Amino acid sequence: MAGAVYGFDDPNFGVITSVKQAILWLRDIMVGADPANEGADAAGSFSTEWMTPLTPSTNIGNFVLQTVSGTNYGRAVFRCNDPIDPVYAAATTPTEEEAAEWRICIEVEYTGNFATEENWNAARIYFGTSSQIQYYAANDPNPGDIERVEVDLSTGLNPGATRTRGQFTPYVEIWDTSNQPTRSKNYNWRISLVERGFVLAIWTIPTVNSGVGGDIVADELAGRTNVLCCVQRPVNPANGNAKVDGKQPVFGLISDGLMAGFSNSLAASDHIDYFILRENDVNASSPRKTLSSPSSGNIYRWNLEWPHPNIQDDFTHVIKIPFGLATDRHLYMEEMDLVCFINAATFVSDQEAEITLYGETDPRTYTACFGPVRYTSYQALPSSGKVVNKTVTGGSRVCILTDGEDFV
């Protein structure tokens, strides 16, 4: 199955005027519907059915509307399908499918009419297993409890118990009521889907040279607008094959500024978070954890703020690929090859970087997205009073896989 890449420059999509459009198009892409037929699922084949919707198809496109503790939610649940996961594709029994399955839940908070995008106040994507992310019919005792572990803050395994959102089930937050963008922007985004997972990046023109979360400014540009999420079966660093043996882990990588606030400078808040979505004998994802420093869960520091080395001694550019994630039981040296990091001051957004990995015949292409660039060490010019910049420091720019043998 050939992989696919979609993005803001795809003629099928046109210009995205809001991040809300990206959410709806993400839903359509996942279920194989044509985004041009907004609101009508499967209204014309657009692509592979990468994920199967578990919530019913309705005129609002797989979103089930629920009210929990006075808050309105639209939630759509999807499970992995054969084209996006080799272990699930190889399963031949219900037991094997259960050991391989993983899910996502797209959640939107809204007021008034859900169909009106201006009423959307927050958007999140949750990642979990069948024991965490479930769809309940309207006659369920807890109809708002779409994720019985803790998506809903007021219900769960122990009804009435309140848990912190994200405490057990990881999620990426695109925006919420405290930082929703209030100015129309050009939203850029790309999503790559291959046989072992997907990677999604969202950013804006004003924040393309910022880290996660976008600009920390006291005007209408404020808002969490730079987002990265990647879910994949990791690959063997020797041959590039997806890990389908052993505990068969599914890795997740998130960057949204949620855990440490916003930053448009090289600050520690520009970190990357990770989670282990599942192993074949653990039917639950791990909590979201930071990769800002080495720990029991990771052997290498991954974040955007760390000044990224640029040139190796053979004058090739330094490209880093995440690896070395661990659970409480196992260390995995396999790599998350759907995403890589390069120097943000050297590579600009939409620039392509070619690299040959894993003994592949042809080079693969990674397309640059967002990353922090800081201008420092200003010096005044005596005659004019103007200043000149002496130093440009580049953090890590996010890049996602967009071409190569996966797409043939």
Foldseek 3Di string as FASTA:
>chain_A
DFKDKDKCPDPQQDFDFFVVLVVQVVLQVLQQDRSVPGQAHNPDGDDDNQWAKPADRDSRGQWDWDADPRWIKTKTKTKGDQFQAVQCVPDDDPLSNQLGMKMKMWMWIFPDDPVDPVRTFWIKIWIAHPQFAAQDDPPDPCNVCRGQPPPPQQHHPHHRHGDDPLQFIHMAIQWHNVFGQDDTFGKIKMKMGFSWWIKIWIATPQFQQFAAQGDPDDDRRHTGTTKIKIKGQFADQQARHGDNDDQRWIKMKIFHLVPPHGTQALDLSQWMWIKTRHTSVGRIIGGIDTQCDDDPFFHHRGGFNDQFDAADPVGDGDKAWDAFGDDPVDTTRTTPQQKIWGWDVVDGAQDWDWDDGNPAPGTWIWGWTGGHKDFDDWDADVPPRDIDTDDITTTITMIGTDGDPSRD
